Amino acid sequence: MANGTPPHFFKIFALTSAKL
């Protein structure tokens, strides 16, 4: 992950990947 990326962004990405 790039420095400065919000933690919640990764969490949302993980949840979206799980749904897919």
C-alpha atoms as a PDB file:
ATOM      1  CA  MET A   1       0.000   0.000   0.000  1.00  0.00           C
ATOM      2  CA  ALA A   2       1.161   3.515  -0.703  1.00  0.00           C
ATOM      3  CA  ASN A   3       2.147   5.639   2.281  1.00  0.00           C
ATOM      4  CA  GLY A   4      -0.669   7.894   3.466  1.00  0.00           C
ATOM      5  CA  THR A   5      -3.455   5.539   2.381  1.00  0.00           C
ATOM      6  CA  PRO A   6      -6.346   5.648   4.901  1.00  0.00           C
ATOM      7  CA  PRO A   7      -6.723   2.389   6.907  1.00  0.00           C
ATOM      8  CA  HIS A   8     -10.459   2.266   6.237  1.00  0.00           C
ATOM      9  CA  PHE A   9      -9.740   2.221   2.501  1.00  0.00           C
ATOM     10  CA  PHE A  10      -7.998  -1.147   2.818  1.00  0.00           C
ATOM     11  CA  LYS A  11     -10.824  -2.465   5.004  1.00  0.00           C
ATOM     12  CA  ILE A  12     -13.465  -1.477   2.440  1.00  0.00           C
ATOM     13  CA  PHE A  13     -11.331  -2.993  -0.317  1.00  0.00           C
ATOM     14  CA  ALA A  14     -11.068  -6.258   1.609  1.00  0.00           C
ATOM     15  CA  LEU A  15     -14.824  -6.406   2.205  1.00  0.00           C
ATOM     16  CA  THR A  16     -15.498  -5.709  -1.480  1.00  0.00           C
ATOM     17  CA  SER A  17     -13.065  -8.438  -2.522  1.00  0.00           C
ATOM     18  CA  ALA A  18     -14.769 -10.868  -0.159  1.00  0.00           C
ATOM     19  CA  LYS A  19     -18.156 -10.153  -1.743  1.00  0.00           C
ATOM     20  CA  LEU A  20     -16.705 -10.705  -5.208  1.00  0.00           C
END
